[in-house]
C-alpha atoms as a PDB file:
ATOM      1  CA  MET A   1       0.000   0.000   0.000  1.00  0.00           C
ATOM      2  CA  ARG A   2       1.429   3.369  -1.024  1.00  0.00           C
ATOM      3  CA  ARG A   3       1.248   6.314   1.323  1.00  0.00           C
ATOM      4  CA  THR A   4       0.827   9.986   0.425  1.00  0.00           C
ATOM      5  CA  VAL A   5       2.437  12.587   2.689  1.00  0.00           C
ATOM      6  CA  TYR A   6       1.635  16.287   2.476  1.00  0.00           C
ATOM      7  CA  ILE A   7       4.356  18.464   4.012  1.00  0.00           C
ATOM      8  CA  VAL A   8       3.196  22.003   4.787  1.00  0.00           C
ATOM      9  CA  ALA A   9       5.557  24.929   5.365  1.00  0.00           C
ATOM     10  CA  ALA A  10       5.787  26.004   8.999  1.00  0.00           C
ATOM     11  CA  ASP A  11       4.657  29.538   8.157  1.00  0.00           C
ATOM     12  CA  SER A  12       1.352  28.316   6.635  1.00  0.00           C
ATOM     13  CA  PRO A  13      -0.808  27.240   9.603  1.00  0.00           C
ATOM     14  CA  GLU A  14      -4.050  27.971   7.706  1.00  0.00           C
ATOM     15  CA  LEU A  15      -3.090  25.608   4.877  1.00  0.00           C
ATOM     16  CA  TYR A  16      -2.084  22.960   7.401  1.00  0.00           C
ATOM     17  CA  ALA A  17      -5.444  23.198   9.193  1.00  0.00           C
ATOM     18  CA  TYR A  18      -7.332  23.139   5.890  1.00  0.00           C
ATOM     19  CA  LEU A  19      -5.541  20.028   4.622  1.00  0.00           C
ATOM     20  CA  CYS A  20      -6.037  18.272   7.959  1.00  0.00           C
ATOM     21  CA  ASN A  21      -9.765  18.965   7.731  1.00  0.00           C
ATOM     22  CA  VAL A  22     -10.182  18.074   4.057  1.00  0.00           C
ATOM     23  CA  LEU A  23      -8.022  14.965   3.827  1.00  0.00           C
ATOM     24  CA  SER A  24      -9.375  12.010   5.681  1.00  0.00           C
ATOM     25  CA  ASP A  25      -7.076   9.919   7.823  1.00  0.00           C
ATOM     26  CA  ASP A  26      -7.552   6.710   5.891  1.00  0.00           C
ATOM     27  CA  GLY A  27      -4.128   5.317   6.701  1.00  0.00           C
ATOM     28  CA  GLU A  28      -2.817   6.215   3.239  1.00  0.00           C
ATOM     29  CA  THR A  29      -2.690  10.019   3.630  1.00  0.00           C
ATOM     30  CA  GLU A  30      -0.786  12.017   6.220  1.00  0.00           C
ATOM     31  CA  VAL A  31      -0.433  15.790   6.680  1.00  0.00           C
ATOM     32  CA  ILE A  32       2.615  17.035   8.568  1.00  0.00           C
ATOM     33  CA  ARG A  33       4.092  20.452   9.266  1.00  0.00           C
ATOM     34  CA  ASP A  34       7.702  21.125   8.297  1.00  0.00           C
ATOM     35  CA  ARG A  35       9.500  21.209  11.651  1.00  0.00           C
ATOM     36  CA  ARG A  36      12.912  22.233  10.397  1.00  0.00           C
ATOM     37  CA  VAL A  37      13.876  25.673  11.663  1.00  0.00           C
ATOM     38  CA  SER A  38      17.229  26.282   9.997  1.00  0.00           C
ATOM     39  CA  GLU A  39      20.525  24.648   9.269  1.00  0.00           C
ATOM     40  CA  ARG A  40      22.190  23.425  12.429  1.00  0.00           C
ATOM     41  CA  ARG A  41      25.578  24.932  11.692  1.00  0.00           C
ATOM     42  CA  ARG A  42      25.572  28.552  12.715  1.00  0.00           C
ATOM     43  CA  TYR A  43      29.179  29.570  12.178  1.00  0.00           C
ATOM     44  CA  GLN A  44      30.799  30.333   8.851  1.00  0.00           C
ATOM     45  CA  THR A  45      34.237  29.101   9.883  1.00  0.00           C
ATOM     46  CA  GLU A  46      34.798  25.392  10.136  1.00  0.00           C
ATOM     47  CA  TYR A  47      36.861  23.851  12.879  1.00  0.00           C
ATOM     48  CA  ALA A  48      37.521  20.576  11.100  1.00  0.00           C
ATOM     49  CA  PRO A  49      37.409  19.453   7.475  1.00  0.00           C
ATOM     50  CA  GLU A  50      33.952  18.571   6.211  1.00  0.00           C
ATOM     51  CA  ARG A  51      33.342  14.839   6.542  1.00  0.00           C
ATOM     52  CA  ARG A  52      30.035  14.681   4.742  1.00  0.00           C
ATOM     53  CA  GLN A  53      30.347  13.729   1.108  1.00  0.00           C
ATOM     54  CA  GLY A  54      26.964  14.941  -0.094  1.00  0.00           C
ATOM     55  CA  GLU A  55      23.699  16.585   0.762  1.00  0.00           C
ATOM     56  CA  ARG A  56      22.153  15.055   3.889  1.00  0.00           C
ATOM     57  CA  ARG A  57      18.596  15.525   2.772  1.00  0.00           C
ATOM     58  CA  SER A  58      17.548  12.887   0.302  1.00  0.00           C
ATOM     59  CA  ARG A  59      14.781  15.016  -1.223  1.00  0.00           C
ATOM     60  CA  PRO A  60      16.129  18.529  -1.915  1.00  0.00           C
ATOM     61  CA  HIS A  61      13.195  19.200  -4.271  1.00  0.00           C
ATOM     62  CA  VAL A  62      10.955  19.307  -1.205  1.00  0.00           C
ATOM     63  CA  ASP A  63      12.762  22.456  -0.008  1.00  0.00           C
ATOM     64  CA  ALA A  64      12.105  24.125  -3.359  1.00  0.00           C
ATOM     65  CA  GLU A  65       8.424  23.183  -3.337  1.00  0.00           C
ATOM     66  CA  LEU A  66       7.950  24.402   0.235  1.00  0.00           C
ATOM     67  CA  ALA A  67       9.552  27.732  -0.684  1.00  0.00           C
ATOM     68  CA  THR A  68       7.473  28.268  -3.826  1.00  0.00           C
ATOM     69  CA  ARG A  69       4.142  26.553  -3.103  1.00  0.00           C
ATOM     70  CA  CYS A  70       4.050  26.290   0.738  1.00  0.00           C
ATOM     71  CA  HIS A  71       3.549  22.539   0.481  1.00  0.00           C
ATOM     72  CA  ALA A  72       5.040  19.412  -1.021  1.00  0.00           C
ATOM     73  CA  VAL A  73       3.419  16.090  -1.791  1.00  0.00           C
ATOM     74  CA  LEU A  74       5.347  12.843  -1.501  1.00  0.00           C
ATOM     75  CA  THR A  75       4.175   9.410  -2.505  1.00  0.00           C
ATOM     76  CA  LEU A  76       6.024   6.755  -0.556  1.00  0.00           C
ATOM     77  CA  PRO A  77       6.154   3.153  -1.739  1.00  0.00           C
ATOM     78  CA  ALA A  78       4.864   0.327   0.399  1.00  0.00           C
ATOM     79  CA  GLY A  79       7.093  -0.573   3.322  1.00  0.00           C
ATOM     80  CA  VAL A  80       8.694   2.859   3.792  1.00  0.00           C
ATOM     81  CA  VAL A  81       8.280   3.930   7.395  1.00  0.00           C
ATOM     82  CA  GLY A  82       9.956   7.356   7.562  1.00  0.00           C
ATOM     83  CA  LEU A  83      10.659  10.160   5.126  1.00  0.00           C
ATOM     84  CA  VAL A  84      14.308   9.208   4.680  1.00  0.00           C
END
């Protein structure tokens, strides 16, 4: 069973409430609010060489959709538990 996840930008509480009311909780659809506040690193200077080899977020297009449309829609295949 595939699952659809609507991610709503944190600064759009009206859209979040609307989607929660309109979309039924049938086990296949979930509405969540984007909880990310900002990047964790706050300083421009690095104390050690960067160890990460790539972007940590596996879905960078979600950031673009949240910035332009205030929401993103993901369809997750069967068996996927988290948004990783």
